[in-house]
Amino acid sequence: MTSRLLVDKIEGKTTANTVEMPSGSIVQAVQFHRPGKLGSVPDNLPGTSSANVQLSSSSFVDVISKTITTKLANSQIYVTLSVVVYDGTTNVRAKTKVLRDSTQIDGDQYGAYAGQSTMASYQVFILDTPNASAGTTLTYKLQAARASGSSSGLSIAYGDSSGGSSASLTLMEIAQ
């Protein structure tokens, strides 16, 4: 015989929002996702008027970002990120960093490094421990810059008139 538990809502015994989650439980997930497209230009990235972010200098620029407001104190945030970097005029050379608010939690001098006209996939998987109290809003973002060279063709989260790649940033709060 199997047991079933059917509920519509779980609340704390004395106060709502005080149910203890077992360590390792996913409390919530939020995502920025720009779907890839075939045969047409993908949607613009938020805060831009383009499907791409051009990396024309060695100065870092924002690529994509997403916020999450913690439901529990001292939870961890699992960060996954995926974009494509492309340069049709020279070798792909991009440096990257991932920030939580203004704190760098990951960086890579060779975040995207490939031959000319190569679609280089850049992916990150980070289990971050922000030590934040419940109700804290955290902003995670990818920044990128040209690592070398002077080509004006280097872009990240690539898209053109023939289509484009997907770009995503997912944040999952994990109970501790």
N, C-alpha and C. Protein backbone atom coordinates (compact mmCIF):
# COMPACT_ATOMS: atom_id res chain seq x y z
N MET A 1 0.84 -1.18 0.00
CA MET A 1 0.00 0.00 0.00
C MET A 1 0.89 1.24 0.00
N THR A 2 0.56 2.22 -0.81
CA THR A 2 1.31 3.47 -0.85
C THR A 2 0.54 4.56 -0.11
N SER A 3 1.27 5.52 0.36
CA SER A 3 0.66 6.66 1.06
C SER A 3 0.67 7.87 0.15
N ARG A 4 -0.34 8.71 0.29
CA ARG A 4 -0.41 9.95 -0.47
C ARG A 4 -0.73 11.08 0.48
N LEU A 5 -0.08 12.19 0.25
CA LEU A 5 -0.36 13.40 1.01
C LEU A 5 -0.74 14.48 0.01
N LEU A 6 -1.95 14.96 0.08
CA LEU A 6 -2.43 16.00 -0.83
C LEU A 6 -2.69 17.26 -0.02
N VAL A 7 -2.08 18.36 -0.43
CA VAL A 7 -2.29 19.62 0.27
C VAL A 7 -2.42 20.74 -0.75
N ASP A 8 -3.09 21.81 -0.36
CA ASP A 8 -3.17 22.99 -1.19
C ASP A 8 -2.18 24.06 -0.73
N LYS A 9 -1.84 24.03 0.55
CA LYS A 9 -0.96 25.06 1.08
C LYS A 9 -0.31 24.56 2.36
N ILE A 10 0.99 24.85 2.50
CA ILE A 10 1.70 24.51 3.73
C ILE A 10 2.09 25.81 4.41
N GLU A 11 1.72 25.95 5.68
CA GLU A 11 2.08 27.15 6.44
C GLU A 11 2.75 26.73 7.74
N GLY A 12 3.53 27.66 8.30
CA GLY A 12 4.14 27.41 9.60
C GLY A 12 3.07 27.23 10.67
N LYS A 13 3.40 26.47 11.70
CA LYS A 13 2.43 26.17 12.75
C LYS A 13 1.92 27.43 13.46
N THR A 14 2.82 28.39 13.70
CA THR A 14 2.41 29.60 14.41
C THR A 14 2.45 30.84 13.54
N THR A 15 3.29 30.85 12.53
CA THR A 15 3.43 32.01 11.66
C THR A 15 3.62 31.54 10.22
N ALA A 16 2.93 32.17 9.30
CA ALA A 16 3.11 31.82 7.89
C ALA A 16 4.55 32.10 7.48
N ASN A 17 5.02 31.43 6.47
CA ASN A 17 6.38 31.59 5.91
C ASN A 17 7.48 31.13 6.85
N THR A 18 7.18 30.23 7.80
CA THR A 18 8.23 29.74 8.69
C THR A 18 8.44 28.24 8.57
N VAL A 19 7.98 27.62 7.52
CA VAL A 19 8.18 26.20 7.32
C VAL A 19 9.66 25.96 7.05
N GLU A 20 10.26 25.02 7.78
CA GLU A 20 11.68 24.72 7.58
C GLU A 20 11.82 23.76 6.41
N MET A 21 12.70 24.12 5.49
CA MET A 21 12.97 23.28 4.33
C MET A 21 14.21 22.46 4.63
N PRO A 22 14.23 21.18 4.23
CA PRO A 22 15.43 20.38 4.43
C PRO A 22 16.61 20.98 3.66
N SER A 23 17.80 20.85 4.21
CA SER A 23 19.00 21.34 3.54
C SER A 23 19.10 20.72 2.15
N GLY A 24 19.41 21.54 1.17
CA GLY A 24 19.52 21.07 -0.21
C GLY A 24 18.26 21.22 -1.02
N SER A 25 17.16 21.62 -0.40
CA SER A 25 15.90 21.81 -1.12
C SER A 25 15.97 23.08 -1.97
N ILE A 26 15.42 23.00 -3.16
CA ILE A 26 15.30 24.20 -4.00
C ILE A 26 14.09 24.98 -3.51
N VAL A 27 14.33 26.21 -3.09
CA VAL A 27 13.30 27.07 -2.53
C VAL A 27 12.56 27.81 -3.65
N GLN A 28 13.31 28.30 -4.62
CA GLN A 28 12.72 29.03 -5.74
C GLN A 28 13.73 29.06 -6.88
N ALA A 29 13.24 29.32 -8.08
CA ALA A 29 14.09 29.48 -9.25
C ALA A 29 13.56 30.63 -10.09
N VAL A 30 14.47 31.46 -10.59
CA VAL A 30 14.12 32.56 -11.51
C VAL A 30 15.06 32.47 -12.70
N GLN A 31 14.61 32.98 -13.83
CA GLN A 31 15.43 32.85 -15.03
C GLN A 31 15.23 34.01 -15.99
N PHE A 32 16.34 34.46 -16.57
CA PHE A 32 16.29 35.26 -17.79
C PHE A 32 16.58 34.28 -18.91
N HIS A 33 15.73 34.28 -19.93
CA HIS A 33 15.98 33.42 -21.09
C HIS A 33 15.56 34.14 -22.35
N ARG A 34 16.52 34.32 -23.23
CA ARG A 34 16.21 34.84 -24.57
C ARG A 34 16.35 33.65 -25.50
N PRO A 35 15.21 33.15 -26.04
CA PRO A 35 15.28 31.95 -26.88
C PRO A 35 16.02 32.21 -28.18
N GLY A 36 16.70 31.19 -28.66
CA GLY A 36 17.33 31.28 -29.98
C GLY A 36 16.27 31.23 -31.06
N LYS A 37 16.63 31.66 -32.25
CA LYS A 37 15.68 31.67 -33.38
C LYS A 37 16.38 31.21 -34.64
N LEU A 38 15.59 30.62 -35.53
CA LEU A 38 16.08 30.21 -36.84
C LEU A 38 15.43 31.10 -37.89
N GLY A 39 16.23 31.70 -38.74
CA GLY A 39 15.70 32.45 -39.86
C GLY A 39 15.23 33.87 -39.58
N SER A 40 15.37 34.34 -38.34
CA SER A 40 15.03 35.73 -38.04
C SER A 40 15.85 36.18 -36.84
N VAL A 41 15.99 37.48 -36.70
CA VAL A 41 16.80 38.04 -35.63
C VAL A 41 16.14 37.73 -34.28
N PRO A 42 16.91 37.23 -33.31
CA PRO A 42 16.32 36.99 -31.99
C PRO A 42 15.95 38.30 -31.30
N ASP A 43 15.15 38.19 -30.27
CA ASP A 43 14.74 39.37 -29.51
C ASP A 43 15.95 40.11 -28.97
N ASN A 44 15.78 41.42 -28.79
CA ASN A 44 16.86 42.23 -28.20
C ASN A 44 17.12 41.80 -26.77
N LEU A 45 18.34 41.97 -26.34
CA LEU A 45 18.68 41.74 -24.95
C LEU A 45 18.12 42.88 -24.12
N PRO A 46 17.73 42.62 -22.87
CA PRO A 46 17.18 43.69 -22.03
C PRO A 46 18.16 44.85 -21.88
N GLY A 47 17.66 46.04 -21.96
CA GLY A 47 18.50 47.23 -21.79
C GLY A 47 19.31 47.58 -23.02
N THR A 48 19.06 46.88 -24.15
CA THR A 48 19.80 47.18 -25.37
C THR A 48 18.81 47.33 -26.52
N SER A 49 19.31 47.80 -27.63
CA SER A 49 18.49 47.86 -28.84
C SER A 49 19.05 46.87 -29.85
N SER A 50 19.65 45.79 -29.35
CA SER A 50 20.32 44.84 -30.21
C SER A 50 20.16 43.41 -29.67
N ALA A 51 20.31 42.45 -30.59
CA ALA A 51 20.31 41.04 -30.20
C ALA A 51 21.69 40.62 -29.70
N ASN A 52 22.70 41.48 -29.87
CA ASN A 52 24.07 41.20 -29.46
C ASN A 52 24.56 42.27 -28.50
N VAL A 53 25.61 41.95 -27.79
CA VAL A 53 26.37 42.98 -27.08
C VAL A 53 27.74 42.99 -27.73
N GLN A 54 28.12 44.13 -28.31
CA GLN A 54 29.42 44.27 -28.97
C GLN A 54 30.50 44.45 -27.92
N LEU A 55 31.60 43.75 -28.09
CA LEU A 55 32.75 43.86 -27.19
C LEU A 55 33.86 44.55 -27.97
N SER A 56 33.81 45.87 -28.00
CA SER A 56 34.73 46.63 -28.85
C SER A 56 35.96 47.15 -28.12
N SER A 57 36.05 46.92 -26.79
CA SER A 57 37.22 47.39 -26.07
C SER A 57 37.53 46.43 -24.92
N SER A 58 38.59 46.75 -24.19
CA SER A 58 38.97 45.91 -23.05
C SER A 58 38.21 46.29 -21.78
N SER A 59 37.28 47.25 -21.89
CA SER A 59 36.45 47.64 -20.75
C SER A 59 35.23 46.70 -20.65
N PHE A 60 34.95 46.23 -19.45
CA PHE A 60 33.84 45.31 -19.26
C PHE A 60 32.50 46.02 -19.45
N VAL A 61 31.56 45.31 -20.10
CA VAL A 61 30.19 45.80 -20.28
C VAL A 61 29.23 44.73 -19.79
N ASP A 62 28.04 45.15 -19.35
CA ASP A 62 27.01 44.22 -18.91
C ASP A 62 26.45 43.47 -20.11
N VAL A 63 26.23 42.16 -19.95
CA VAL A 63 25.65 41.35 -21.01
C VAL A 63 24.23 40.95 -20.62
N ILE A 64 24.06 40.17 -19.56
CA ILE A 64 22.73 39.82 -19.07
C ILE A 64 22.76 39.84 -17.55
N SER A 65 21.58 40.07 -16.95
CA SER A 65 21.49 40.08 -15.49
C SER A 65 20.12 39.57 -15.06
N LYS A 66 20.04 39.17 -13.80
CA LYS A 66 18.78 38.70 -13.22
C LYS A 66 18.85 38.91 -11.72
N THR A 67 17.72 39.28 -11.10
CA THR A 67 17.67 39.46 -9.65
C THR A 67 16.87 38.32 -9.02
N ILE A 68 17.19 38.07 -7.75
CA ILE A 68 16.46 37.09 -6.95
C ILE A 68 16.35 37.68 -5.55
N THR A 69 15.18 37.56 -4.93
CA THR A 69 14.99 38.00 -3.55
C THR A 69 14.89 36.75 -2.69
N THR A 70 15.85 36.60 -1.77
CA THR A 70 15.93 35.39 -0.97
C THR A 70 14.68 35.22 -0.08
N LYS A 71 14.25 34.00 0.05
CA LYS A 71 13.12 33.68 0.93
C LYS A 71 13.62 33.21 2.30
N LEU A 72 14.84 32.67 2.34
CA LEU A 72 15.42 32.15 3.57
C LEU A 72 16.76 32.83 3.87
N ALA A 73 17.14 32.86 5.13
CA ALA A 73 18.45 33.38 5.52
C ALA A 73 19.53 32.34 5.22
N ASN A 74 20.69 32.82 4.82
CA ASN A 74 21.89 32.00 4.62
C ASN A 74 21.73 30.88 3.60
N SER A 75 20.85 31.05 2.64
CA SER A 75 20.72 30.04 1.60
C SER A 75 21.84 30.23 0.57
N GLN A 76 22.01 29.22 -0.26
CA GLN A 76 22.97 29.32 -1.35
C GLN A 76 22.20 29.62 -2.63
N ILE A 77 22.90 30.19 -3.60
CA ILE A 77 22.30 30.47 -4.90
C ILE A 77 23.10 29.70 -5.95
N TYR A 78 22.40 28.82 -6.68
CA TYR A 78 23.04 28.09 -7.77
C TYR A 78 22.84 28.90 -9.04
N VAL A 79 23.94 29.29 -9.67
CA VAL A 79 23.94 30.16 -10.84
C VAL A 79 24.34 29.35 -12.06
N THR A 80 23.50 29.35 -13.09
CA THR A 80 23.88 28.76 -14.37
C THR A 80 23.72 29.84 -15.44
N LEU A 81 24.66 29.85 -16.35
CA LEU A 81 24.69 30.90 -17.36
C LEU A 81 25.17 30.29 -18.67
N SER A 82 24.56 30.68 -19.77
CA SER A 82 24.98 30.16 -21.07
C SER A 82 24.76 31.22 -22.15
N VAL A 83 25.82 31.54 -22.89
CA VAL A 83 25.75 32.46 -24.03
C VAL A 83 26.73 31.97 -25.10
N VAL A 84 26.61 32.53 -26.29
CA VAL A 84 27.53 32.24 -27.38
C VAL A 84 28.28 33.52 -27.72
N VAL A 85 29.59 33.37 -28.00
CA VAL A 85 30.44 34.49 -28.39
C VAL A 85 30.90 34.22 -29.82
N TYR A 86 30.92 35.27 -30.65
CA TYR A 86 31.26 35.10 -32.07
C TYR A 86 32.04 36.31 -32.58
N ASP A 87 33.00 36.04 -33.45
CA ASP A 87 33.72 37.10 -34.17
C ASP A 87 33.98 36.60 -35.57
N GLY A 88 33.41 37.26 -36.56
CA GLY A 88 33.57 36.84 -37.95
C GLY A 88 34.78 37.44 -38.62
N THR A 89 35.52 38.32 -37.93
CA THR A 89 36.64 39.00 -38.58
C THR A 89 38.01 38.58 -38.05
N THR A 90 38.06 38.03 -36.86
CA THR A 90 39.34 37.60 -36.29
C THR A 90 39.06 36.52 -35.23
N ASN A 91 40.08 36.07 -34.55
CA ASN A 91 39.90 35.07 -33.51
C ASN A 91 39.03 35.60 -32.37
N VAL A 92 38.25 34.71 -31.78
CA VAL A 92 37.40 35.06 -30.64
C VAL A 92 38.28 35.12 -29.40
N ARG A 93 38.33 36.28 -28.75
CA ARG A 93 39.12 36.46 -27.53
C ARG A 93 38.34 37.36 -26.59
N ALA A 94 37.59 36.76 -25.65
CA ALA A 94 36.79 37.55 -24.71
C ALA A 94 37.09 37.11 -23.29
N LYS A 95 37.21 38.10 -22.40
CA LYS A 95 37.34 37.81 -20.97
C LYS A 95 35.98 38.08 -20.33
N THR A 96 35.71 37.34 -19.25
CA THR A 96 34.39 37.40 -18.64
C THR A 96 34.50 37.48 -17.13
N LYS A 97 33.43 37.98 -16.53
CA LYS A 97 33.30 37.89 -15.08
C LYS A 97 31.82 37.84 -14.71
N VAL A 98 31.56 37.16 -13.60
CA VAL A 98 30.20 37.05 -13.06
C VAL A 98 30.19 37.78 -11.73
N LEU A 99 29.20 38.65 -11.56
CA LEU A 99 29.09 39.45 -10.35
C LEU A 99 27.81 39.13 -9.59
N ARG A 100 27.91 39.17 -8.25
CA ARG A 100 26.74 39.24 -7.38
C ARG A 100 26.76 40.65 -6.84
N ASP A 101 25.79 41.46 -7.22
CA ASP A 101 25.81 42.89 -6.93
C ASP A 101 27.15 43.43 -7.44
N SER A 102 28.01 43.98 -6.58
CA SER A 102 29.30 44.49 -7.07
C SER A 102 30.46 43.54 -6.77
N THR A 103 30.17 42.35 -6.21
CA THR A 103 31.21 41.40 -5.85
C THR A 103 31.44 40.39 -6.97
N GLN A 104 32.67 40.31 -7.45
CA GLN A 104 32.99 39.32 -8.48
C GLN A 104 33.04 37.94 -7.85
N ILE A 105 32.24 37.00 -8.39
CA ILE A 105 32.24 35.63 -7.87
C ILE A 105 32.88 34.65 -8.85
N ASP A 106 33.18 35.10 -10.05
CA ASP A 106 33.87 34.28 -11.04
C ASP A 106 34.50 35.19 -12.08
N GLY A 107 35.62 34.79 -12.61
CA GLY A 107 36.28 35.56 -13.66
C GLY A 107 37.13 34.64 -14.50
N ASP A 108 37.26 34.98 -15.79
CA ASP A 108 38.03 34.13 -16.69
C ASP A 108 38.68 34.99 -17.77
N GLN A 109 40.00 35.07 -17.75
CA GLN A 109 40.73 35.81 -18.77
C GLN A 109 40.49 35.21 -20.16
N TYR A 110 40.19 33.91 -20.20
CA TYR A 110 39.95 33.20 -21.46
C TYR A 110 38.53 32.64 -21.48
N GLY A 111 37.56 33.44 -21.09
CA GLY A 111 36.17 33.00 -21.04
C GLY A 111 35.68 32.46 -22.36
N ALA A 112 36.02 33.12 -23.44
CA ALA A 112 35.72 32.64 -24.79
C ALA A 112 37.00 32.79 -25.60
N TYR A 113 37.46 31.70 -26.15
CA TYR A 113 38.76 31.68 -26.82
C TYR A 113 38.65 30.67 -27.95
N ALA A 114 38.58 31.13 -29.19
CA ALA A 114 38.38 30.21 -30.32
C ALA A 114 38.87 30.88 -31.61
N GLY A 115 38.87 30.11 -32.68
CA GLY A 115 39.30 30.61 -33.98
C GLY A 115 38.29 31.54 -34.61
N GLN A 116 38.72 32.20 -35.67
CA GLN A 116 37.86 33.14 -36.40
C GLN A 116 36.61 32.43 -36.91
N SER A 117 35.49 33.13 -36.88
CA SER A 117 34.19 32.64 -37.35
C SER A 117 33.72 31.39 -36.62
N THR A 118 34.15 31.24 -35.38
CA THR A 118 33.72 30.12 -34.55
C THR A 118 32.71 30.61 -33.51
N MET A 119 31.64 29.87 -33.36
CA MET A 119 30.67 30.16 -32.31
C MET A 119 31.20 29.50 -31.04
N ALA A 120 31.68 30.29 -30.10
CA ALA A 120 32.25 29.77 -28.86
C ALA A 120 31.19 29.80 -27.77
N SER A 121 30.92 28.66 -27.18
CA SER A 121 29.94 28.58 -26.10
C SER A 121 30.62 28.94 -24.79
N TYR A 122 29.96 29.81 -24.01
CA TYR A 122 30.46 30.17 -22.69
C TYR A 122 29.41 29.77 -21.68
N GLN A 123 29.79 28.90 -20.74
CA GLN A 123 28.86 28.42 -19.72
C GLN A 123 29.50 28.51 -18.36
N VAL A 124 28.67 28.79 -17.36
CA VAL A 124 29.14 28.88 -15.97
C VAL A 124 28.15 28.14 -15.09
N PHE A 125 28.69 27.44 -14.09
CA PHE A 125 27.88 26.77 -13.07
C PHE A 125 28.54 27.07 -11.73
N ILE A 126 27.88 27.86 -10.89
CA ILE A 126 28.47 28.31 -9.63
C ILE A 126 27.48 28.08 -8.49
N LEU A 127 27.96 27.54 -7.38
CA LEU A 127 27.16 27.47 -6.16
C LEU A 127 27.68 28.58 -5.25
N ASP A 128 26.93 29.68 -5.20
CA ASP A 128 27.35 30.88 -4.48
C ASP A 128 26.76 30.88 -3.06
N THR A 129 27.54 31.37 -2.11
CA THR A 129 27.09 31.50 -0.73
C THR A 129 27.14 32.98 -0.35
N PRO A 130 26.04 33.72 -0.57
CA PRO A 130 26.07 35.17 -0.33
C PRO A 130 25.93 35.57 1.13
N ASN A 131 25.61 34.63 2.04
CA ASN A 131 25.40 34.95 3.46
C ASN A 131 24.41 36.10 3.64
N ALA A 132 23.29 36.00 2.96
CA ALA A 132 22.28 37.07 2.99
C ALA A 132 21.12 36.69 3.90
N SER A 133 20.49 37.69 4.48
CA SER A 133 19.29 37.44 5.28
C SER A 133 18.08 37.26 4.37
N ALA A 134 17.02 36.70 4.91
CA ALA A 134 15.79 36.52 4.13
C ALA A 134 15.29 37.88 3.67
N GLY A 135 14.78 37.94 2.44
CA GLY A 135 14.26 39.19 1.90
C GLY A 135 15.29 40.07 1.23
N THR A 136 16.52 39.57 1.09
CA THR A 136 17.58 40.35 0.43
C THR A 136 17.49 40.17 -1.08
N THR A 137 17.51 41.27 -1.82
CA THR A 137 17.50 41.20 -3.27
C THR A 137 18.94 41.20 -3.77
N LEU A 138 19.27 40.18 -4.55
CA LEU A 138 20.61 40.01 -5.10
C LEU A 138 20.53 40.09 -6.62
N THR A 139 21.47 40.79 -7.24
CA THR A 139 21.53 40.88 -8.69
C THR A 139 22.78 40.17 -9.17
N TYR A 140 22.57 39.20 -10.05
CA TYR A 140 23.68 38.48 -10.67
C TYR A 140 23.78 38.93 -12.12
N LYS A 141 25.02 39.10 -12.59
CA LYS A 141 25.18 39.55 -13.97
C LYS A 141 26.45 39.00 -14.58
N LEU A 142 26.40 38.87 -15.90
CA LEU A 142 27.58 38.53 -16.70
C LEU A 142 28.11 39.82 -17.31
N GLN A 143 29.40 40.03 -17.17
CA GLN A 143 30.08 41.12 -17.87
C GLN A 143 31.16 40.50 -18.76
N ALA A 144 31.44 41.16 -19.87
CA ALA A 144 32.46 40.65 -20.79
C ALA A 144 33.19 41.82 -21.43
N ALA A 145 34.39 41.53 -21.93
CA ALA A 145 35.22 42.53 -22.61
C ALA A 145 36.11 41.82 -23.62
N ARG A 146 36.62 42.58 -24.56
CA ARG A 146 37.59 42.05 -25.52
C ARG A 146 38.88 41.75 -24.76
N ALA A 147 39.44 40.56 -24.95
CA ALA A 147 40.67 40.18 -24.27
C ALA A 147 41.90 40.66 -25.04
N SER A 148 41.81 40.69 -26.37
CA SER A 148 42.94 41.16 -27.18
C SER A 148 42.43 41.52 -28.56
N GLY A 149 43.27 42.21 -29.33
CA GLY A 149 42.92 42.57 -30.69
C GLY A 149 42.06 43.82 -30.76
N SER A 150 41.69 44.20 -31.97
CA SER A 150 40.94 45.44 -32.15
C SER A 150 39.75 45.26 -33.07
N SER A 151 39.33 44.04 -33.33
CA SER A 151 38.20 43.80 -34.22
C SER A 151 36.93 44.41 -33.65
N SER A 152 36.10 44.94 -34.53
CA SER A 152 34.81 45.47 -34.09
C SER A 152 33.72 44.41 -34.27
N GLY A 153 34.10 43.20 -34.65
CA GLY A 153 33.11 42.15 -34.92
C GLY A 153 32.82 41.22 -33.78
N LEU A 154 33.49 41.40 -32.64
CA LEU A 154 33.29 40.48 -31.51
C LEU A 154 31.99 40.81 -30.80
N SER A 155 31.12 39.81 -30.68
CA SER A 155 29.86 40.02 -29.97
C SER A 155 29.53 38.80 -29.14
N ILE A 156 28.72 39.03 -28.11
CA ILE A 156 28.32 37.98 -27.18
C ILE A 156 26.80 37.93 -27.14
N ALA A 157 26.25 36.74 -26.89
CA ALA A 157 24.80 36.49 -26.98
C ALA A 157 24.38 36.74 -28.43
N TYR A 158 25.05 36.07 -29.34
CA TYR A 158 25.02 36.38 -30.77
C TYR A 158 23.67 36.17 -31.43
N GLY A 159 23.37 37.07 -32.37
CA GLY A 159 22.20 36.97 -33.22
C GLY A 159 22.35 37.86 -34.44
N ASP A 160 21.87 37.40 -35.59
CA ASP A 160 21.88 38.23 -36.81
C ASP A 160 20.62 37.91 -37.62
N SER A 161 20.57 38.37 -38.87
CA SER A 161 19.35 38.21 -39.66
C SER A 161 19.04 36.75 -39.99
N SER A 162 20.01 35.86 -39.86
CA SER A 162 19.77 34.44 -40.14
C SER A 162 19.28 33.68 -38.91
N GLY A 163 19.34 34.32 -37.76
CA GLY A 163 18.92 33.66 -36.54
C GLY A 163 19.84 34.03 -35.41
N GLY A 164 19.80 33.28 -34.35
CA GLY A 164 20.68 33.60 -33.23
C GLY A 164 20.62 32.56 -32.14
N SER A 165 21.56 32.67 -31.27
CA SER A 165 21.70 31.73 -30.17
C SER A 165 20.82 32.14 -28.99
N SER A 166 20.51 31.16 -28.15
CA SER A 166 19.80 31.48 -26.92
C SER A 166 20.79 32.06 -25.92
N ALA A 167 20.27 32.77 -24.96
CA ALA A 167 21.09 33.31 -23.86
C ALA A 167 20.27 33.12 -22.60
N SER A 168 20.90 32.58 -21.54
CA SER A 168 20.13 32.36 -20.32
C SER A 168 20.99 32.55 -19.08
N LEU A 169 20.30 32.97 -18.02
CA LEU A 169 20.89 33.10 -16.69
C LEU A 169 19.82 32.62 -15.72
N THR A 170 20.11 31.51 -15.01
CA THR A 170 19.15 30.90 -14.09
C THR A 170 19.72 30.97 -12.67
N LEU A 171 18.87 31.34 -11.73
CA LEU A 171 19.25 31.43 -10.31
C LEU A 171 18.32 30.55 -9.50
N MET A 172 18.89 29.66 -8.70
CA MET A 172 18.08 28.79 -7.84
C MET A 172 18.52 28.98 -6.39
N GLU A 173 17.56 29.33 -5.53
CA GLU A 173 17.86 29.44 -4.11
C GLU A 173 17.76 28.06 -3.49
N ILE A 174 18.80 27.68 -2.72
CA ILE A 174 18.87 26.35 -2.12
C ILE A 174 18.96 26.50 -0.61
N ALA A 175 18.07 25.83 0.11
CA ALA A 175 18.02 25.90 1.57
C ALA A 175 19.27 25.26 2.17
N GLN A 176 19.73 25.81 3.31
CA GLN A 176 20.90 25.26 4.01
C GLN A 176 20.52 24.75 5.37
